[in-house]
């Protein structure tokens, strides 16, 4: 009898623990949901964006780890989380990554796909050659060789800062138009205070800072 009571209490305690864990996972999902960019992740993942940003994160981790290994771990974790949730780390990647990927020996579909006209798919029988990615980044001036490692080019970083300053100076309607033009989807942009609405098959509301990063 005592054993059955103990077993019952143990089972109830286990059920409570599992239910508590599910609640915490649900809270975590709700907390990170606003950070997700479904337009560039999941079935719609922008493969060129993911490939380019993965390389840049690895370069940043390698550079940081030479000074402080813990810093490299932090940068790697933040970069991986950002790529998982948003599909990229560097603002504006969805705009220039596909153009960088054009010389690569892979096909990145941007036409209509089964069940989702906005998806970007990688052909199943092909992969990405890391060496070709590095060469493309070097030729595009995104990264430069520094001895036996790759680092972000000063010119690229300066150009990115200039670009961000230019976009920050835009009015709301101008930023909305630029953001809509940079989107892979057929959307119309409109400004609503400090937010931008991209209206289309699936409406998306963007804070001004996010719209600047996307434009």
N, C-alpha and C. Protein backbone atom coordinates (compact mmCIF):
# COMPACT_ATOMS: atom_id res chain seq x y z
N UNK A 1 0.82 -1.20 0.00
CA UNK A 1 0.00 0.00 0.00
C UNK A 1 0.86 1.26 0.00
N UNK A 2 1.85 1.26 0.93
CA UNK A 2 2.74 2.41 0.98
C UNK A 2 3.50 2.60 -0.33
N UNK A 3 3.89 1.46 -0.92
CA UNK A 3 4.63 1.55 -2.18
C UNK A 3 3.77 2.15 -3.28
N UNK A 4 2.49 1.75 -3.31
CA UNK A 4 1.59 2.29 -4.33
C UNK A 4 1.39 3.78 -4.15
N UNK A 5 1.31 4.23 -2.87
CA UNK A 5 1.17 5.66 -2.61
C UNK A 5 2.41 6.42 -3.05
N UNK A 6 3.57 5.84 -2.77
CA UNK A 6 4.83 6.48 -3.16
C UNK A 6 4.93 6.57 -4.68
N UNK A 7 4.55 5.44 -5.35
CA UNK A 7 4.60 5.44 -6.81
C UNK A 7 3.64 6.47 -7.39
N UNK A 8 2.46 6.58 -6.78
CA UNK A 8 1.48 7.55 -7.28
C UNK A 8 1.98 8.98 -7.10
N UNK A 9 2.53 9.25 -5.92
CA UNK A 9 3.08 10.59 -5.67
C UNK A 9 4.22 10.91 -6.63
N UNK A 10 5.06 9.88 -6.91
CA UNK A 10 6.18 10.09 -7.82
C UNK A 10 5.68 10.38 -9.22
N UNK A 11 4.65 9.64 -9.66
CA UNK A 11 4.10 9.85 -10.99
C UNK A 11 3.46 11.24 -11.10
N UNK A 12 2.75 11.64 -10.04
CA UNK A 12 2.13 12.96 -10.06
C UNK A 12 3.19 14.06 -10.09
N UNK A 13 4.26 13.84 -9.31
CA UNK A 13 5.34 14.82 -9.32
C UNK A 13 6.01 14.92 -10.68
N UNK A 14 6.17 13.77 -11.36
CA UNK A 14 6.77 13.77 -12.69
C UNK A 14 5.86 14.48 -13.68
N UNK A 15 4.55 14.22 -13.58
CA UNK A 15 3.60 14.89 -14.47
C UNK A 15 3.63 16.40 -14.26
N UNK A 16 3.71 16.82 -12.99
CA UNK A 16 3.76 18.25 -12.70
C UNK A 16 5.03 18.88 -13.28
N UNK A 17 6.15 18.14 -13.17
CA UNK A 17 7.42 18.65 -13.69
C UNK A 17 7.37 18.80 -15.20
N UNK A 18 6.79 17.80 -15.87
CA UNK A 18 6.67 17.84 -17.33
C UNK A 18 5.77 19.00 -17.76
N UNK A 19 4.65 19.17 -17.03
CA UNK A 19 3.73 20.26 -17.37
C UNK A 19 4.39 21.62 -17.15
N UNK A 20 5.17 21.73 -16.06
CA UNK A 20 5.89 22.97 -15.79
C UNK A 20 6.90 23.27 -16.88
N UNK A 21 7.59 22.21 -17.35
CA UNK A 21 8.57 22.38 -18.43
C UNK A 21 7.89 22.83 -19.71
N UNK A 22 6.73 22.25 -20.00
CA UNK A 22 6.00 22.65 -21.20
C UNK A 22 5.58 24.11 -21.11
N UNK A 23 5.14 24.55 -19.91
CA UNK A 23 4.75 25.95 -19.74
C UNK A 23 5.93 26.88 -19.98
N UNK A 24 7.10 26.47 -19.46
CA UNK A 24 8.28 27.32 -19.63
C UNK A 24 8.71 27.39 -21.09
N UNK A 25 8.62 26.25 -21.79
CA UNK A 25 8.95 26.25 -23.21
C UNK A 25 7.98 27.13 -23.98
N UNK A 26 6.69 27.07 -23.58
CA UNK A 26 5.70 27.92 -24.24
C UNK A 26 5.98 29.39 -24.02
N UNK A 27 6.37 29.75 -22.80
CA UNK A 27 6.71 31.14 -22.50
C UNK A 27 7.92 31.57 -23.32
N UNK A 28 8.92 30.68 -23.43
CA UNK A 28 10.12 30.99 -24.22
C UNK A 28 9.76 31.19 -25.68
N UNK A 29 8.90 30.33 -26.22
CA UNK A 29 8.48 30.47 -27.62
C UNK A 29 7.78 31.81 -27.84
N UNK A 30 6.91 32.18 -26.87
CA UNK A 30 6.20 33.45 -27.00
C UNK A 30 7.16 34.63 -26.94
N UNK A 31 8.21 34.49 -26.12
CA UNK A 31 9.17 35.59 -25.95
C UNK A 31 10.00 35.81 -27.21
N UNK A 32 10.37 34.71 -27.89
CA UNK A 32 11.25 34.87 -29.06
C UNK A 32 10.47 35.01 -30.36
N UNK A 33 9.15 34.79 -30.33
CA UNK A 33 8.36 34.86 -31.55
C UNK A 33 8.48 36.22 -32.24
N UNK A 34 8.46 37.36 -31.49
CA UNK A 34 8.59 38.66 -32.16
C UNK A 34 9.94 38.84 -32.87
N UNK A 35 10.95 38.04 -32.46
CA UNK A 35 12.28 38.17 -33.06
C UNK A 35 12.41 37.37 -34.35
N UNK A 36 11.47 36.46 -34.59
CA UNK A 36 11.56 35.62 -35.78
C UNK A 36 11.27 36.43 -37.04
N UNK A 37 11.95 36.06 -38.13
CA UNK A 37 11.68 36.65 -39.43
C UNK A 37 11.28 35.51 -40.35
N UNK A 38 9.98 35.22 -40.37
CA UNK A 38 9.49 34.08 -41.13
C UNK A 38 9.74 34.22 -42.63
N UNK A 39 9.97 35.45 -43.09
CA UNK A 39 10.21 35.66 -44.52
C UNK A 39 11.54 35.07 -44.96
N UNK A 40 12.48 34.86 -43.99
CA UNK A 40 13.81 34.39 -44.35
C UNK A 40 14.23 33.15 -43.56
N UNK A 41 13.28 32.51 -42.87
CA UNK A 41 13.60 31.32 -42.09
C UNK A 41 12.58 30.23 -42.39
N UNK A 42 12.81 29.05 -41.82
CA UNK A 42 11.90 27.93 -42.05
C UNK A 42 11.87 27.54 -43.52
N UNK A 43 10.68 27.31 -44.04
CA UNK A 43 10.55 26.92 -45.45
C UNK A 43 10.98 28.06 -46.38
N UNK A 44 10.93 29.31 -45.87
CA UNK A 44 11.30 30.47 -46.69
C UNK A 44 12.75 30.90 -46.48
N UNK A 45 13.54 30.05 -45.81
CA UNK A 45 14.90 30.46 -45.47
C UNK A 45 15.67 30.91 -46.71
N UNK A 46 16.31 32.07 -46.57
CA UNK A 46 17.15 32.62 -47.64
C UNK A 46 18.51 31.92 -47.55
N UNK A 47 18.74 30.94 -48.40
CA UNK A 47 19.97 30.16 -48.35
C UNK A 47 21.21 31.03 -48.57
N UNK A 48 21.21 31.96 -49.54
CA UNK A 48 22.40 32.82 -49.68
C UNK A 48 22.66 33.64 -48.43
N UNK A 49 21.58 34.12 -47.78
CA UNK A 49 21.74 34.92 -46.55
C UNK A 49 22.36 34.08 -45.45
N UNK A 50 21.86 32.86 -45.28
CA UNK A 50 22.37 31.98 -44.24
C UNK A 50 23.83 31.62 -44.50
N UNK A 51 24.15 31.30 -45.77
CA UNK A 51 25.53 30.92 -46.09
C UNK A 51 26.49 32.08 -45.87
N UNK A 52 26.14 33.26 -46.36
CA UNK A 52 27.01 34.42 -46.22
C UNK A 52 27.22 34.78 -44.76
N UNK A 53 26.14 34.84 -44.00
CA UNK A 53 26.25 35.25 -42.60
C UNK A 53 26.95 34.20 -41.75
N UNK A 54 26.79 32.93 -42.10
CA UNK A 54 27.52 31.88 -41.38
C UNK A 54 29.02 32.06 -41.54
N UNK A 55 29.44 32.39 -42.77
CA UNK A 55 30.86 32.63 -43.02
C UNK A 55 31.34 33.84 -42.23
N UNK A 56 30.56 34.91 -42.23
CA UNK A 56 30.95 36.14 -41.52
C UNK A 56 31.02 35.91 -40.02
N UNK A 57 30.08 35.12 -39.49
CA UNK A 57 30.11 34.81 -38.06
C UNK A 57 31.35 34.00 -37.72
N UNK A 58 31.69 33.03 -38.57
CA UNK A 58 32.89 32.23 -38.33
C UNK A 58 34.14 33.10 -38.37
N UNK A 59 34.18 34.05 -39.30
CA UNK A 59 35.32 34.96 -39.38
C UNK A 59 35.41 35.80 -38.10
N UNK A 60 34.26 36.31 -37.65
CA UNK A 60 34.24 37.14 -36.44
C UNK A 60 34.64 36.32 -35.21
N UNK A 61 34.15 35.07 -35.14
CA UNK A 61 34.50 34.21 -34.01
C UNK A 61 36.00 33.92 -33.99
N UNK A 62 36.56 33.63 -35.17
CA UNK A 62 37.99 33.35 -35.24
C UNK A 62 38.82 34.55 -34.81
N UNK A 63 38.40 35.74 -35.26
CA UNK A 63 39.14 36.96 -34.90
C UNK A 63 39.03 37.25 -33.42
N UNK A 64 37.82 37.10 -32.86
CA UNK A 64 37.62 37.39 -31.44
C UNK A 64 38.31 36.37 -30.55
N UNK A 65 38.31 35.12 -30.98
CA UNK A 65 38.91 34.06 -30.16
C UNK A 65 40.41 34.23 -29.99
N UNK A 66 41.04 34.93 -30.94
CA UNK A 66 42.48 35.17 -30.83
C UNK A 66 42.77 36.09 -29.64
N UNK A 67 41.81 36.93 -29.30
CA UNK A 67 41.99 37.85 -28.18
C UNK A 67 41.41 37.27 -26.88
N UNK A 68 40.22 36.70 -27.00
CA UNK A 68 39.54 36.16 -25.82
C UNK A 68 38.62 35.03 -26.28
N UNK A 69 38.91 33.83 -25.86
CA UNK A 69 38.12 32.69 -26.31
C UNK A 69 36.66 32.81 -25.87
N UNK A 70 36.46 33.36 -24.68
CA UNK A 70 35.08 33.51 -24.20
C UNK A 70 34.30 34.48 -25.07
N UNK A 71 34.97 35.54 -25.50
CA UNK A 71 34.31 36.49 -26.40
C UNK A 71 33.93 35.81 -27.71
N UNK A 72 34.81 34.95 -28.21
CA UNK A 72 34.50 34.21 -29.43
C UNK A 72 33.28 33.32 -29.27
N UNK A 73 33.16 32.69 -28.10
CA UNK A 73 32.00 31.83 -27.83
C UNK A 73 30.73 32.65 -27.80
N UNK A 74 30.78 33.82 -27.16
CA UNK A 74 29.61 34.69 -27.07
C UNK A 74 29.18 35.16 -28.46
N UNK A 75 30.15 35.61 -29.26
CA UNK A 75 29.84 36.08 -30.61
C UNK A 75 29.25 34.94 -31.44
N UNK A 76 29.83 33.75 -31.31
CA UNK A 76 29.31 32.60 -32.05
C UNK A 76 27.89 32.26 -31.66
N UNK A 77 27.61 32.30 -30.35
CA UNK A 77 26.26 31.97 -29.87
C UNK A 77 25.24 33.00 -30.35
N UNK A 78 25.59 34.29 -30.24
CA UNK A 78 24.68 35.34 -30.68
C UNK A 78 24.46 35.27 -32.19
N UNK A 79 25.55 35.03 -32.93
CA UNK A 79 25.43 34.93 -34.38
C UNK A 79 24.57 33.76 -34.81
N UNK A 80 24.79 32.60 -34.18
CA UNK A 80 24.00 31.41 -34.52
C UNK A 80 22.53 31.61 -34.19
N UNK A 81 22.25 32.24 -33.03
CA UNK A 81 20.86 32.49 -32.64
C UNK A 81 20.19 33.45 -33.60
N UNK A 82 20.91 34.48 -34.02
CA UNK A 82 20.35 35.46 -34.94
C UNK A 82 20.05 34.82 -36.30
N UNK A 83 20.97 33.98 -36.78
CA UNK A 83 20.75 33.31 -38.07
C UNK A 83 19.57 32.36 -37.97
N UNK A 84 19.44 31.68 -36.83
CA UNK A 84 18.33 30.73 -36.64
C UNK A 84 17.00 31.47 -36.61
N UNK A 85 16.94 32.60 -35.90
CA UNK A 85 15.68 33.31 -35.74
C UNK A 85 15.35 34.21 -36.93
N UNK A 86 16.38 34.88 -37.49
CA UNK A 86 16.14 35.89 -38.52
C UNK A 86 16.63 35.49 -39.90
N UNK A 87 17.57 34.53 -39.95
CA UNK A 87 18.11 34.12 -41.24
C UNK A 87 19.40 34.84 -41.61
N UNK A 88 19.77 35.84 -40.83
CA UNK A 88 20.98 36.60 -41.12
C UNK A 88 21.38 37.42 -39.89
N UNK A 89 22.59 37.99 -39.94
CA UNK A 89 23.10 38.85 -38.86
C UNK A 89 23.33 40.27 -39.38
N UNK A 90 24.01 40.39 -40.51
CA UNK A 90 24.33 41.70 -41.08
C UNK A 90 23.08 42.35 -41.66
N UNK A 91 22.71 43.55 -41.19
CA UNK A 91 21.52 44.22 -41.73
C UNK A 91 21.61 44.39 -43.25
N UNK A 92 20.47 44.20 -43.91
CA UNK A 92 20.42 44.37 -45.35
C UNK A 92 20.86 43.16 -46.15
N UNK A 93 21.22 42.08 -45.46
CA UNK A 93 21.70 40.88 -46.17
C UNK A 93 20.73 40.37 -47.24
N UNK A 94 19.41 40.31 -46.96
CA UNK A 94 18.50 39.79 -47.99
C UNK A 94 18.55 40.57 -49.29
N UNK A 95 19.09 41.79 -49.22
CA UNK A 95 19.13 42.58 -50.45
C UNK A 95 20.35 42.27 -51.30
N UNK A 96 21.52 42.07 -50.64
CA UNK A 96 22.73 41.88 -51.45
C UNK A 96 23.22 40.45 -51.52
N UNK A 97 22.82 39.58 -50.57
CA UNK A 97 23.31 38.21 -50.57
C UNK A 97 22.94 37.44 -51.84
N UNK A 98 21.70 37.53 -52.32
CA UNK A 98 21.37 36.80 -53.56
C UNK A 98 22.25 37.21 -54.74
N UNK A 99 22.62 38.51 -54.80
CA UNK A 99 23.48 38.96 -55.92
C UNK A 99 24.88 38.38 -55.77
N UNK A 100 25.36 38.28 -54.53
CA UNK A 100 26.67 37.68 -54.31
C UNK A 100 26.66 36.20 -54.68
N UNK A 101 25.49 35.57 -54.51
CA UNK A 101 25.40 34.12 -54.74
C UNK A 101 25.26 33.77 -56.22
N UNK A 102 24.98 34.76 -57.06
CA UNK A 102 24.76 34.46 -58.47
C UNK A 102 25.93 33.73 -59.14
N UNK A 103 27.21 34.08 -58.82
CA UNK A 103 28.31 33.37 -59.48
C UNK A 103 28.53 31.95 -58.95
N UNK A 104 27.88 31.58 -57.85
CA UNK A 104 28.12 30.28 -57.24
C UNK A 104 27.51 29.17 -58.10
N UNK A 105 28.11 27.98 -58.06
CA UNK A 105 27.62 26.86 -58.87
C UNK A 105 26.43 26.16 -58.23
N UNK A 106 25.48 26.94 -57.75
CA UNK A 106 24.26 26.39 -57.18
C UNK A 106 23.09 27.23 -57.67
N UNK A 107 21.90 26.67 -57.61
CA UNK A 107 20.72 27.39 -58.05
C UNK A 107 19.89 27.74 -56.82
N UNK A 108 19.61 29.04 -56.65
CA UNK A 108 18.76 29.49 -55.57
C UNK A 108 17.44 29.91 -56.19
N UNK A 109 16.42 29.07 -56.01
CA UNK A 109 15.14 29.37 -56.64
C UNK A 109 14.49 30.60 -56.05
N UNK A 110 13.96 31.46 -56.91
CA UNK A 110 13.19 32.60 -56.44
C UNK A 110 11.87 32.68 -57.18
N UNK A 111 11.61 31.65 -57.97
CA UNK A 111 10.34 31.62 -58.67
C UNK A 111 9.30 30.96 -57.80
N UNK A 112 8.09 30.76 -58.33
CA UNK A 112 7.03 30.14 -57.57
C UNK A 112 7.40 28.74 -57.15
N UNK A 113 7.14 28.42 -55.91
CA UNK A 113 7.41 27.10 -55.37
C UNK A 113 6.11 26.47 -54.96
N UNK A 114 6.12 25.15 -54.85
CA UNK A 114 4.89 24.44 -54.51
C UNK A 114 4.38 24.88 -53.16
N UNK A 115 3.16 25.46 -53.15
CA UNK A 115 2.52 25.83 -51.90
C UNK A 115 3.01 27.15 -51.33
N UNK A 116 4.01 27.79 -51.89
CA UNK A 116 4.53 29.03 -51.32
C UNK A 116 5.30 29.78 -52.38
N UNK A 117 4.71 30.85 -52.90
CA UNK A 117 5.34 31.58 -53.98
C UNK A 117 6.50 32.44 -53.51
N UNK A 118 6.67 32.57 -52.16
CA UNK A 118 7.73 33.44 -51.66
C UNK A 118 8.92 32.66 -51.16
N UNK A 119 8.93 31.35 -51.29
CA UNK A 119 10.02 30.57 -50.74
C UNK A 119 11.26 30.66 -51.60
N UNK A 120 12.40 30.49 -50.97
CA UNK A 120 13.68 30.47 -51.67
C UNK A 120 14.29 29.12 -51.40
N UNK A 121 14.40 28.30 -52.41
CA UNK A 121 14.81 26.91 -52.18
C UNK A 121 16.15 26.62 -52.81
N UNK A 122 16.86 25.73 -52.20
CA UNK A 122 18.12 25.23 -52.75
C UNK A 122 17.82 23.89 -53.40
N UNK A 123 18.29 23.69 -54.61
CA UNK A 123 18.02 22.43 -55.28
C UNK A 123 18.56 21.29 -54.45
N UNK A 124 17.81 20.19 -54.29
CA UNK A 124 18.17 19.13 -53.36
C UNK A 124 19.44 18.38 -53.74
N UNK A 125 19.83 18.42 -55.04
CA UNK A 125 20.98 17.61 -55.44
C UNK A 125 22.27 18.42 -55.49
N UNK A 126 22.24 19.64 -54.90
CA UNK A 126 23.44 20.46 -54.93
C UNK A 126 23.74 21.00 -53.55
N UNK A 127 24.97 21.47 -53.38
CA UNK A 127 25.36 22.05 -52.12
C UNK A 127 26.19 23.29 -52.37
N UNK A 128 26.67 23.89 -51.29
CA UNK A 128 27.47 25.10 -51.39
C UNK A 128 28.93 24.76 -51.17
N UNK A 129 29.77 25.20 -52.06
CA UNK A 129 31.20 24.98 -51.94
C UNK A 129 31.78 26.12 -51.10
N UNK A 130 32.25 25.85 -49.88
CA UNK A 130 32.78 26.92 -49.02
C UNK A 130 33.89 27.72 -49.68
N UNK A 131 34.75 27.04 -50.43
CA UNK A 131 35.85 27.75 -51.08
C UNK A 131 35.33 28.77 -52.09
N UNK A 132 34.28 28.40 -52.80
CA UNK A 132 33.70 29.32 -53.77
C UNK A 132 33.06 30.51 -53.06
N UNK A 133 32.43 30.24 -51.90
CA UNK A 133 31.83 31.32 -51.11
C UNK A 133 32.91 32.31 -50.69
N UNK A 134 34.03 31.79 -50.17
CA UNK A 134 35.12 32.65 -49.75
C UNK A 134 35.64 33.49 -50.92
N UNK A 135 35.82 32.84 -52.06
CA UNK A 135 36.34 33.56 -53.23
C UNK A 135 35.38 34.66 -53.66
N UNK A 136 34.08 34.37 -53.61
CA UNK A 136 33.08 35.36 -54.00
C UNK A 136 33.10 36.55 -53.05
N UNK A 137 33.22 36.27 -51.75
CA UNK A 137 33.28 37.35 -50.76
C UNK A 137 34.53 38.20 -50.96
N UNK A 138 35.63 37.55 -51.28
CA UNK A 138 36.88 38.28 -51.52
C UNK A 138 36.74 39.17 -52.76
N UNK A 139 36.20 38.61 -53.83
CA UNK A 139 36.06 39.37 -55.07
C UNK A 139 35.08 40.54 -54.90
N UNK A 140 34.07 40.35 -54.04
CA UNK A 140 33.08 41.40 -53.82
C UNK A 140 33.58 42.46 -52.85
N UNK A 141 34.74 42.21 -52.23
CA UNK A 141 35.30 43.19 -51.30
C UNK A 141 34.64 43.18 -49.94
N UNK A 142 33.91 42.11 -49.62
CA UNK A 142 33.27 42.01 -48.30
C UNK A 142 34.29 41.63 -47.24
N UNK A 143 35.18 40.70 -47.56
CA UNK A 143 36.24 40.30 -46.65
C UNK A 143 37.58 40.40 -47.36
N UNK A 144 38.65 40.49 -46.58
CA UNK A 144 40.00 40.54 -47.14
C UNK A 144 40.88 39.57 -46.37
N UNK A 145 41.92 39.12 -47.01
CA UNK A 145 42.85 38.20 -46.37
C UNK A 145 43.81 38.98 -45.47
N UNK A 146 43.99 38.49 -44.26
CA UNK A 146 44.93 39.09 -43.32
C UNK A 146 45.81 37.96 -42.79
N UNK A 147 46.89 37.70 -43.52
CA UNK A 147 47.72 36.56 -43.16
C UNK A 147 46.99 35.27 -43.47
N UNK A 148 46.77 34.45 -42.46
CA UNK A 148 46.10 33.17 -42.66
C UNK A 148 44.63 33.22 -42.24
N UNK A 149 44.07 34.42 -42.15
CA UNK A 149 42.67 34.53 -41.76
C UNK A 149 41.96 35.57 -42.61
N UNK A 150 40.63 35.56 -42.56
CA UNK A 150 39.81 36.52 -43.29
C UNK A 150 39.18 37.49 -42.30
N UNK A 151 39.15 38.77 -42.68
CA UNK A 151 38.53 39.78 -41.83
C UNK A 151 37.63 40.64 -42.72
N UNK A 152 36.66 41.31 -42.08
CA UNK A 152 35.80 42.21 -42.83
C UNK A 152 36.63 43.35 -43.41
N UNK A 153 36.37 43.68 -44.65
CA UNK A 153 37.10 44.76 -45.31
C UNK A 153 36.69 46.10 -44.72
N UNK A 154 37.66 47.00 -44.52
CA UNK A 154 37.35 48.32 -43.98
C UNK A 154 36.38 49.06 -44.89
N UNK A 155 36.59 48.94 -46.18
CA UNK A 155 35.71 49.62 -47.12
C UNK A 155 34.28 49.14 -47.02
N UNK A 156 34.09 47.83 -46.81
CA UNK A 156 32.75 47.28 -46.69
C UNK A 156 32.08 47.82 -45.44
N UNK A 157 32.82 47.86 -44.33
CA UNK A 157 32.25 48.35 -43.07
C UNK A 157 31.88 49.82 -43.19
N UNK A 158 32.77 50.63 -43.80
CA UNK A 158 32.49 52.05 -43.97
C UNK A 158 31.29 52.26 -44.88
N UNK A 159 31.21 51.47 -45.94
CA UNK A 159 30.07 51.58 -46.87
C UNK A 159 28.77 51.22 -46.16
N UNK A 160 28.84 50.22 -45.29
CA UNK A 160 27.65 49.81 -44.54
C UNK A 160 27.21 50.92 -43.59
N UNK A 161 28.17 51.57 -42.91
CA UNK A 161 27.84 52.69 -42.02
C UNK A 161 27.20 53.83 -42.80
N UNK A 162 27.77 54.14 -43.97
CA UNK A 162 27.21 55.21 -44.80
C UNK A 162 25.79 54.85 -45.23
N UNK A 163 25.60 53.60 -45.57
CA UNK A 163 24.28 53.14 -46.00
C UNK A 163 23.25 53.28 -44.88
N UNK A 164 23.63 52.89 -43.67
CA UNK A 164 22.73 52.99 -42.53
C UNK A 164 22.40 54.45 -42.23
N UNK A 165 23.39 55.33 -42.34
CA UNK A 165 23.17 56.77 -42.10
C UNK A 165 22.20 57.34 -43.14
N UNK A 166 22.36 56.90 -44.39
CA UNK A 166 21.47 57.35 -45.47
C UNK A 166 20.04 56.92 -45.20
N UNK A 167 19.86 55.67 -44.79
CA UNK A 167 18.52 55.16 -44.55
C UNK A 167 17.88 55.80 -43.32
N UNK A 168 18.68 56.08 -42.30
CA UNK A 168 18.13 56.71 -41.10
C UNK A 168 17.62 58.12 -41.39
N UNK A 169 18.19 58.77 -42.42
CA UNK A 169 17.78 60.13 -42.76
C UNK A 169 16.51 60.18 -43.59
N UNK A 170 16.02 59.05 -44.06
CA UNK A 170 14.82 59.02 -44.90
C UNK A 170 13.57 59.33 -44.08
N UNK A 171 12.59 59.90 -44.74
CA UNK A 171 11.29 60.11 -44.10
C UNK A 171 10.57 58.77 -44.00
N UNK A 172 9.48 58.74 -43.26
CA UNK A 172 8.72 57.50 -43.11
C UNK A 172 8.26 56.91 -44.42
N UNK A 173 7.59 57.69 -45.29
CA UNK A 173 7.14 57.14 -46.58
C UNK A 173 8.30 56.70 -47.46
N UNK A 174 9.42 57.45 -47.45
CA UNK A 174 10.58 57.07 -48.26
C UNK A 174 11.16 55.75 -47.79
N UNK A 175 11.26 55.58 -46.46
CA UNK A 175 11.79 54.34 -45.91
C UNK A 175 10.85 53.18 -46.22
N UNK A 176 9.54 53.42 -46.14
CA UNK A 176 8.57 52.37 -46.45
C UNK A 176 8.72 51.90 -47.89
N UNK A 177 8.91 52.87 -48.81
CA UNK A 177 9.06 52.52 -50.22
C UNK A 177 10.35 51.73 -50.46
N UNK A 178 11.44 52.13 -49.81
CA UNK A 178 12.72 51.44 -49.98
C UNK A 178 12.63 50.02 -49.39
N UNK A 179 11.97 49.88 -48.26
CA UNK A 179 11.84 48.57 -47.63
C UNK A 179 11.01 47.63 -48.49
N UNK A 180 9.92 48.16 -49.06
CA UNK A 180 9.08 47.34 -49.93
C UNK A 180 9.85 46.92 -51.18
N UNK A 181 10.65 47.83 -51.72
CA UNK A 181 11.42 47.52 -52.93
C UNK A 181 12.47 46.44 -52.66
N UNK A 182 12.97 46.37 -51.42
CA UNK A 182 14.01 45.39 -51.07
C UNK A 182 13.43 44.02 -50.74
N UNK A 183 12.11 43.95 -50.59
CA UNK A 183 11.48 42.69 -50.22
C UNK A 183 11.42 41.73 -51.40
N UNK A 184 11.56 40.42 -51.10
CA UNK A 184 11.42 39.41 -52.14
C UNK A 184 9.96 39.27 -52.57
N UNK A 185 9.03 39.63 -51.69
CA UNK A 185 7.61 39.46 -51.96
C UNK A 185 7.04 40.69 -52.65
N UNK A 186 5.87 40.51 -53.25
CA UNK A 186 5.17 41.62 -53.90
C UNK A 186 4.36 42.33 -52.83
N UNK A 187 4.93 43.40 -52.26
CA UNK A 187 4.28 44.10 -51.16
C UNK A 187 4.27 45.60 -51.44
N UNK A 188 3.40 46.29 -50.71
CA UNK A 188 3.36 47.74 -50.76
C UNK A 188 3.70 48.27 -49.37
N UNK A 189 4.59 49.25 -49.32
CA UNK A 189 5.01 49.80 -48.04
C UNK A 189 4.32 51.09 -47.71
N UNK A 190 3.97 51.26 -46.44
CA UNK A 190 3.36 52.51 -45.99
C UNK A 190 3.85 52.80 -44.57
N UNK A 191 3.99 54.08 -44.25
CA UNK A 191 4.50 54.49 -42.94
C UNK A 191 3.35 54.79 -42.00
N UNK A 192 3.49 54.35 -40.76
CA UNK A 192 2.50 54.60 -39.72
C UNK A 192 3.25 54.97 -38.45
N UNK A 193 3.52 56.26 -38.31
CA UNK A 193 4.30 56.70 -37.17
C UNK A 193 5.73 56.18 -37.27
N UNK A 194 6.18 55.49 -36.25
CA UNK A 194 7.53 54.92 -36.25
C UNK A 194 7.55 53.48 -36.75
N UNK A 195 6.50 53.05 -37.40
CA UNK A 195 6.44 51.69 -37.92
C UNK A 195 6.16 51.70 -39.41
N UNK A 196 6.54 50.61 -40.05
CA UNK A 196 6.33 50.45 -41.49
C UNK A 196 5.48 49.20 -41.71
N UNK A 197 4.46 49.35 -42.52
CA UNK A 197 3.61 48.21 -42.87
C UNK A 197 3.94 47.76 -44.28
N UNK A 198 4.29 46.47 -44.41
CA UNK A 198 4.47 45.86 -45.72
C UNK A 198 3.23 45.02 -45.98
N UNK A 199 2.35 45.53 -46.83
CA UNK A 199 1.07 44.89 -47.09
C UNK A 199 1.17 44.01 -48.32
N UNK A 200 0.76 42.76 -48.16
CA UNK A 200 0.79 41.79 -49.26
C UNK A 200 -0.01 40.57 -48.88
N UNK A 201 0.42 39.41 -49.36
CA UNK A 201 -0.27 38.17 -49.01
C UNK A 201 -0.23 37.94 -47.51
N UNK A 202 0.87 38.34 -46.89
CA UNK A 202 1.01 38.22 -45.44
C UNK A 202 1.59 39.53 -44.93
N UNK A 203 0.76 40.37 -44.30
CA UNK A 203 1.20 41.69 -43.84
C UNK A 203 2.27 41.56 -42.78
N UNK A 204 3.20 42.51 -42.79
CA UNK A 204 4.27 42.53 -41.79
C UNK A 204 4.45 43.95 -41.28
N UNK A 205 4.43 44.10 -39.96
CA UNK A 205 4.69 45.39 -39.33
C UNK A 205 6.14 45.41 -38.86
N UNK A 206 6.87 46.45 -39.23
CA UNK A 206 8.28 46.57 -38.86
C UNK A 206 8.51 47.86 -38.08
N UNK A 207 9.28 47.75 -36.99
CA UNK A 207 9.74 48.95 -36.32
C UNK A 207 10.69 49.68 -37.26
N UNK A 208 10.87 50.96 -37.04
CA UNK A 208 11.72 51.75 -37.95
C UNK A 208 13.14 51.17 -38.02
N UNK A 209 13.69 50.77 -36.87
CA UNK A 209 15.05 50.22 -36.87
C UNK A 209 15.13 48.95 -37.70
N UNK A 210 14.11 48.12 -37.62
CA UNK A 210 14.08 46.87 -38.40
C UNK A 210 13.93 47.19 -39.89
N UNK A 211 13.08 48.17 -40.21
CA UNK A 211 12.89 48.55 -41.61
C UNK A 211 14.19 49.08 -42.21
N UNK A 212 14.95 49.84 -41.42
CA UNK A 212 16.25 50.33 -41.90
C UNK A 212 17.19 49.17 -42.20
N UNK A 213 17.17 48.17 -41.33
CA UNK A 213 18.03 47.00 -41.53
C UNK A 213 17.61 46.20 -42.76
N UNK A 214 16.32 46.22 -43.08
CA UNK A 214 15.82 45.43 -44.20
C UNK A 214 15.96 46.15 -45.54
N UNK A 215 15.99 47.48 -45.51
CA UNK A 215 15.95 48.26 -46.75
C UNK A 215 17.24 48.11 -47.56
